[in-house]
C-alpha cells in the first residue's frame, strides 16, 4: 500500500471516528500546513491557528473526501488555502464599533447563546477548557500556552485539537449552531 493509499485509508477511518487515524494525519500534515501558513500569512500565531482550523475541518469533513477528485494532500491543501484566505481577511477586517443602542431581542439572543456556550465549555475537561481559554480569551499563541503551563508544545497542540473537537460535540448536543 503506497503513501497516498495509506492517507486515503486514514481519512476514511477518521470519518468513522478513528482517533489514531486522525492523529497520524495530524502528524503527516501539521508541519507542511504550518509552513504553508507561515508563507501565506507571515505570522506564526496565524500559521498555528491555520493548522488547528484545517485539521479540525479535515476531521469534521472526512466523510466528504472523494479519492476520484484528487489526492488527500490536494484536498487538505485546498482546505488550507481557503482557510488561510479567511484568516487573512479576518486579520485585515477593521473591527466595527459597537452600536450605541441595540435591539433588546438581539441582546437577549446573545445572552442565551452565551449561556449555551458556557454550558458547552462546562462539559470539557479542565485541561481542555484551560487551553481554549488561554488561546481564545487571552489570545496566547500555542508556544506561549506551552510556556505558561510548563508542558511541551505538542501537548498544547493535541489538547487544543481535542478540546475543539469536544467543544464542537458539546455544542452539537446542546443544539448550538455555527452561526
C-alpha atoms as a PDB file:
ATOM      1  CA  UNK A   1       0.000   0.000   0.000  1.00  0.00           C
ATOM      2  CA  UNK A   2       1.517   3.381  -1.040  1.00  0.00           C
ATOM      3  CA  UNK A   3       1.613   6.595   0.951  1.00  0.00           C
ATOM      4  CA  UNK A   4      -1.432   8.023  -0.848  1.00  0.00           C
ATOM      5  CA  UNK A   5      -3.425   4.822  -0.278  1.00  0.00           C
ATOM      6  CA  UNK A   6      -2.434   4.992   3.393  1.00  0.00           C
ATOM      7  CA  UNK A   7      -3.656   8.603   3.570  1.00  0.00           C
ATOM      8  CA  UNK A   8      -6.972   7.705   1.915  1.00  0.00           C
ATOM      9  CA  UNK A   9      -7.382   4.833   4.381  1.00  0.00           C
ATOM     10  CA  UNK A  10      -6.674   7.200   7.299  1.00  0.00           C
ATOM     11  CA  UNK A  11      -9.217   9.747   6.061  1.00  0.00           C
ATOM     12  CA  UNK A  12     -11.842   7.024   5.705  1.00  0.00           C
ATOM     13  CA  UNK A  13     -11.074   5.740   9.223  1.00  0.00           C
ATOM     14  CA  UNK A  14     -11.066   9.291  10.631  1.00  0.00           C
ATOM     15  CA  UNK A  15     -14.519   9.806   9.101  1.00  0.00           C
ATOM     16  CA  UNK A  16     -15.656   6.908  11.267  1.00  0.00           C
ATOM     17  CA  UNK A  17     -14.189   8.370  14.467  1.00  0.00           C
ATOM     18  CA  UNK A  18     -10.802   6.612  14.463  1.00  0.00           C
ATOM     19  CA  UNK A  19      -8.676   8.931  16.630  1.00  0.00           C
ATOM     20  CA  UNK A  20      -5.439   7.088  15.823  1.00  0.00           C
ATOM     21  CA  UNK A  21      -6.007   7.683  12.112  1.00  0.00           C
ATOM     22  CA  UNK A  22      -6.648  11.382  12.756  1.00  0.00           C
ATOM     23  CA  UNK A  23      -3.514  11.614  14.895  1.00  0.00           C
ATOM     24  CA  UNK A  24      -1.497  10.070  12.056  1.00  0.00           C
ATOM     25  CA  UNK A  25      -2.996  12.582   9.602  1.00  0.00           C
ATOM     26  CA  UNK A  26      -2.125  15.353  12.052  1.00  0.00           C
ATOM     27  CA  UNK A  27       1.455  14.110  12.230  1.00  0.00           C
ATOM     28  CA  UNK A  28       1.664  13.916   8.429  1.00  0.00           C
ATOM     29  CA  UNK A  29       0.169  17.306   7.629  1.00  0.00           C
ATOM     30  CA  UNK A  30       0.666  19.664  10.607  1.00  0.00           C
ATOM     31  CA  UNK A  31       4.198  20.763   9.674  1.00  0.00           C
ATOM     32  CA  UNK A  32       3.539  21.281   5.949  1.00  0.00           C
ATOM     33  CA  UNK A  33       0.348  23.234   6.726  1.00  0.00           C
ATOM     34  CA  UNK A  34       2.249  25.356   9.262  1.00  0.00           C
ATOM     35  CA  UNK A  35       4.982  26.113   6.694  1.00  0.00           C
ATOM     36  CA  UNK A  36       2.331  26.952   4.098  1.00  0.00           C
ATOM     37  CA  UNK A  37       0.543  29.203   6.595  1.00  0.00           C
ATOM     38  CA  UNK A  38       3.745  30.965   7.571  1.00  0.00           C
ATOM     39  CA  UNK A  39       4.492  31.712   3.902  1.00  0.00           C
ATOM     40  CA  UNK A  40       0.927  32.830   3.131  1.00  0.00           C
ATOM     41  CA  UNK A  41       0.112  34.684   6.346  1.00  0.00           C
ATOM     42  CA  UNK A  42       3.534  35.776   7.581  1.00  0.00           C
ATOM     43  CA  UNK A  43       2.521  35.304  11.217  1.00  0.00           C
ATOM     44  CA  UNK A  44       3.485  32.283  13.360  1.00  0.00           C
ATOM     45  CA  UNK A  45       0.372  32.578  15.547  1.00  0.00           C
ATOM     46  CA  UNK A  46      -1.907  32.657  12.500  1.00  0.00           C
ATOM     47  CA  UNK A  47       0.006  29.740  10.980  1.00  0.00           C
ATOM     48  CA  UNK A  48      -0.642  27.744  14.165  1.00  0.00           C
ATOM     49  CA  UNK A  49      -4.307  28.727  14.035  1.00  0.00           C
ATOM     50  CA  UNK A  50      -4.378  27.615  10.402  1.00  0.00           C
ATOM     51  CA  UNK A  51      -3.043  24.162  11.346  1.00  0.00           C
ATOM     52  CA  UNK A  52      -5.694  23.700  14.026  1.00  0.00           C
ATOM     53  CA  UNK A  53      -8.525  25.001  11.841  1.00  0.00           C
ATOM     54  CA  UNK A  54      -7.551  22.915   8.823  1.00  0.00           C
ATOM     55  CA  UNK A  55      -7.103  19.677  10.740  1.00  0.00           C
ATOM     56  CA  UNK A  56     -10.365  20.204  12.588  1.00  0.00           C
ATOM     57  CA  UNK A  57     -12.081  20.712   9.221  1.00  0.00           C
ATOM     58  CA  UNK A  58     -10.384  17.573   7.858  1.00  0.00           C
ATOM     59  CA  UNK A  59     -11.716  15.587  10.821  1.00  0.00           C
ATOM     60  CA  UNK A  60     -15.215  17.080  10.548  1.00  0.00           C
ATOM     61  CA  UNK A  61     -15.388  16.748   6.756  1.00  0.00           C
ATOM     62  CA  UNK A  62     -13.534  13.453   6.307  1.00  0.00           C
ATOM     63  CA  UNK A  63     -16.665  11.726   5.039  1.00  0.00           C
ATOM     64  CA  UNK A  64     -16.803  14.253   2.167  1.00  0.00           C
ATOM     65  CA  UNK A  65     -13.390  13.325   0.768  1.00  0.00           C
ATOM     66  CA  UNK A  66     -13.647  11.729  -2.679  1.00  0.00           C
ATOM     67  CA  UNK A  67     -10.479   9.962  -3.904  1.00  0.00           C
ATOM     68  CA  UNK A  68     -11.656  10.286  -7.514  1.00  0.00           C
ATOM     69  CA  UNK A  69     -11.370  14.087  -7.264  1.00  0.00           C
ATOM     70  CA  UNK A  70      -7.733  14.199  -6.133  1.00  0.00           C
ATOM     71  CA  UNK A  71      -5.170  13.122  -3.588  1.00  0.00           C
ATOM     72  CA  UNK A  72      -5.601  13.574   0.152  1.00  0.00           C
ATOM     73  CA  UNK A  73      -2.740  16.094   0.072  1.00  0.00           C
ATOM     74  CA  UNK A  74      -4.522  18.146  -2.604  1.00  0.00           C
ATOM     75  CA  UNK A  75      -7.778  18.016  -0.621  1.00  0.00           C
ATOM     76  CA  UNK A  76      -6.057  19.040   2.637  1.00  0.00           C
ATOM     77  CA  UNK A  77      -4.201  21.915   0.986  1.00  0.00           C
ATOM     78  CA  UNK A  78      -7.364  23.116  -0.747  1.00  0.00           C
ATOM     79  CA  UNK A  79      -8.910  23.382   2.715  1.00  0.00           C
ATOM     80  CA  UNK A  80      -5.720  25.085   3.939  1.00  0.00           C
ATOM     81  CA  UNK A  81      -5.778  27.620   1.111  1.00  0.00           C
ATOM     82  CA  UNK A  82      -9.394  28.649   1.668  1.00  0.00           C
ATOM     83  CA  UNK A  83      -8.892  28.749   5.442  1.00  0.00           C
ATOM     84  CA  UNK A  84      -5.756  30.901   5.034  1.00  0.00           C
ATOM     85  CA  UNK A  85      -7.754  33.336   2.894  1.00  0.00           C
ATOM     86  CA  UNK A  86     -10.413  33.514   5.619  1.00  0.00           C
ATOM     87  CA  UNK A  87      -7.788  34.098   8.323  1.00  0.00           C
ATOM     88  CA  UNK A  88      -6.119  36.795   6.230  1.00  0.00           C
ATOM     89  CA  UNK A  89      -9.428  38.556   5.635  1.00  0.00           C
ATOM     90  CA  UNK A  90     -10.348  38.362   9.307  1.00  0.00           C
ATOM     91  CA  UNK A  91      -6.989  39.818  10.295  1.00  0.00           C
ATOM     92  CA  UNK A  92      -7.372  42.740   7.885  1.00  0.00           C
ATOM     93  CA  UNK A  93     -11.029  43.459   8.623  1.00  0.00           C
ATOM     94  CA  UNK A  94     -11.410  46.513  10.811  1.00  0.00           C
ATOM     95  CA  UNK A  95     -13.435  45.943  13.918  1.00  0.00           C
ATOM     96  CA  UNK A  96     -16.841  47.527  13.769  1.00  0.00           C
ATOM     97  CA  UNK A  97     -17.789  49.912  16.537  1.00  0.00           C
ATOM     98  CA  UNK A  98     -20.419  48.631  18.920  1.00  0.00           C
ATOM     99  CA  UNK A  99     -23.851  50.088  18.312  1.00  0.00           C
ATOM    100  CA  UNK A 100     -24.948  52.573  20.948  1.00  0.00           C
ATOM    101  CA  UNK A 101     -28.448  51.179  21.279  1.00  0.00           C
ATOM    102  CA  UNK A 102     -29.154  47.571  20.492  1.00  0.00           C
ATOM    103  CA  UNK A 103     -32.291  45.677  19.719  1.00  0.00           C
ATOM    104  CA  UNK A 104     -33.454  44.079  23.008  1.00  0.00           C
ATOM    105  CA  UNK A 105     -34.307  40.838  21.200  1.00  0.00           C
ATOM    106  CA  UNK A 106     -30.806  40.660  19.693  1.00  0.00           C
ATOM    107  CA  UNK A 107     -29.287  41.269  23.103  1.00  0.00           C
ATOM    108  CA  UNK A 108     -31.457  38.561  24.641  1.00  0.00           C
ATOM    109  CA  UNK A 109     -30.468  36.150  21.872  1.00  0.00           C
ATOM    110  CA  UNK A 110     -26.785  36.921  22.516  1.00  0.00           C
ATOM    111  CA  UNK A 111     -27.234  36.290  26.251  1.00  0.00           C
ATOM    112  CA  UNK A 112     -28.965  32.963  25.613  1.00  0.00           C
ATOM    113  CA  UNK A 113     -26.242  31.952  23.176  1.00  0.00           C
ATOM    114  CA  UNK A 114     -23.513  32.972  25.651  1.00  0.00           C
ATOM    115  CA  UNK A 115     -25.119  30.803  28.346  1.00  0.00           C
ATOM    116  CA  UNK A 116     -25.317  27.869  25.935  1.00  0.00           C
ATOM    117  CA  UNK A 117     -21.629  28.284  25.043  1.00  0.00           C
ATOM    118  CA  UNK A 118     -20.763  28.377  28.763  1.00  0.00           C
ATOM    119  CA  UNK A 119     -22.715  25.161  29.231  1.00  0.00           C
ATOM    120  CA  UNK A 120     -20.780  23.545  26.368  1.00  0.00           C
ATOM    121  CA  UNK A 121     -17.486  24.708  27.876  1.00  0.00           C
ATOM    122  CA  UNK A 122     -18.516  23.276  31.255  1.00  0.00           C
ATOM    123  CA  UNK A 123     -18.658  19.832  29.618  1.00  0.00           C
ATOM    124  CA  UNK A 124     -14.931  19.983  28.778  1.00  0.00           C
ATOM    125  CA  UNK A 125     -12.144  18.729  30.988  1.00  0.00           C
ATOM    126  CA  UNK A 126     -10.115  21.263  32.954  1.00  0.00           C
ATOM    127  CA  UNK A 127      -7.098  20.868  30.620  1.00  0.00           C
ATOM    128  CA  UNK A 128      -9.236  21.404  27.515  1.00  0.00           C
ATOM    129  CA  UNK A 129     -11.014  24.453  28.948  1.00  0.00           C
ATOM    130  CA  UNK A 130      -7.668  25.857  30.034  1.00  0.00           C
ATOM    131  CA  UNK A 131      -6.051  25.744  26.571  1.00  0.00           C
ATOM    132  CA  UNK A 132      -9.154  27.197  24.903  1.00  0.00           C
ATOM    133  CA  UNK A 133      -9.315  29.984  27.478  1.00  0.00           C
ATOM    134  CA  UNK A 134      -5.651  30.859  27.063  1.00  0.00           C
ATOM    135  CA  UNK A 135      -5.889  30.770  23.268  1.00  0.00           C
ATOM    136  CA  UNK A 136      -9.237  32.376  22.568  1.00  0.00           C
ATOM    137  CA  UNK A 137      -9.899  34.574  25.592  1.00  0.00           C
ATOM    138  CA  UNK A 138      -6.349  35.643  26.426  1.00  0.00           C
ATOM    139  CA  UNK A 139      -5.046  35.484  22.850  1.00  0.00           C
ATOM    140  CA  UNK A 140      -1.924  33.472  23.624  1.00  0.00           C
ATOM    141  CA  UNK A 141      -0.119  31.511  20.926  1.00  0.00           C
ATOM    142  CA  UNK A 142       0.420  27.799  21.376  1.00  0.00           C
ATOM    143  CA  UNK A 143       4.072  28.464  22.221  1.00  0.00           C
ATOM    144  CA  UNK A 144       3.030  30.928  24.935  1.00  0.00           C
ATOM    145  CA  UNK A 145       0.479  28.460  26.310  1.00  0.00           C
ATOM    146  CA  UNK A 146       3.134  25.739  26.470  1.00  0.00           C
ATOM    147  CA  UNK A 147       5.454  28.096  28.361  1.00  0.00           C
ATOM    148  CA  UNK A 148       2.718  29.227  30.754  1.00  0.00           C
ATOM    149  CA  UNK A 149       1.549  25.678  31.519  1.00  0.00           C
ATOM    150  CA  UNK A 150       5.030  24.160  31.537  1.00  0.00           C
ATOM    151  CA  UNK A 151       4.094  21.438  29.057  1.00  0.00           C
ATOM    152  CA  UNK A 152       5.556  20.516  25.655  1.00  0.00           C
ATOM    153  CA  UNK A 153       4.226  22.340  22.581  1.00  0.00           C
ATOM    154  CA  UNK A 154       2.955  19.036  21.173  1.00  0.00           C
ATOM    155  CA  UNK A 155       0.817  18.568  24.278  1.00  0.00           C
ATOM    156  CA  UNK A 156      -0.731  22.006  23.788  1.00  0.00           C
ATOM    157  CA  UNK A 157      -1.431  21.240  20.125  1.00  0.00           C
ATOM    158  CA  UNK A 158      -3.002  17.913  20.979  1.00  0.00           C
ATOM    159  CA  UNK A 159      -5.094  19.396  23.797  1.00  0.00           C
ATOM    160  CA  UNK A 160      -6.254  22.207  21.508  1.00  0.00           C
ATOM    161  CA  UNK A 161      -7.267  19.782  18.771  1.00  0.00           C
ATOM    162  CA  UNK A 162      -9.194  17.527  21.138  1.00  0.00           C
ATOM    163  CA  UNK A 163     -10.640  20.487  23.070  1.00  0.00           C
ATOM    164  CA  UNK A 164     -12.070  21.975  19.875  1.00  0.00           C
ATOM    165  CA  UNK A 165     -13.443  18.603  18.907  1.00  0.00           C
ATOM    166  CA  UNK A 166     -15.055  18.060  22.317  1.00  0.00           C
ATOM    167  CA  UNK A 167     -16.411  21.625  22.301  1.00  0.00           C
ATOM    168  CA  UNK A 168     -17.959  21.056  18.859  1.00  0.00           C
ATOM    169  CA  UNK A 169     -19.587  17.837  20.041  1.00  0.00           C
ATOM    170  CA  UNK A 170     -20.916  19.562  23.175  1.00  0.00           C
ATOM    171  CA  UNK A 171     -22.330  22.375  21.019  1.00  0.00           C
ATOM    172  CA  UNK A 172     -23.990  19.833  18.748  1.00  0.00           C
ATOM    173  CA  UNK A 173     -25.506  18.043  21.739  1.00  0.00           C
ATOM    174  CA  UNK A 174     -26.806  21.326  23.123  1.00  0.00           C
ATOM    175  CA  UNK A 175     -28.183  22.438  19.750  1.00  0.00           C
ATOM    176  CA  UNK A 176     -25.825  25.410  19.398  1.00  0.00           C
ATOM    177  CA  UNK A 177     -25.397  26.198  15.712  1.00  0.00           C
ATOM    178  CA  UNK A 178     -22.284  27.585  13.994  1.00  0.00           C
ATOM    179  CA  UNK A 179     -23.942  30.947  13.356  1.00  0.00           C
END
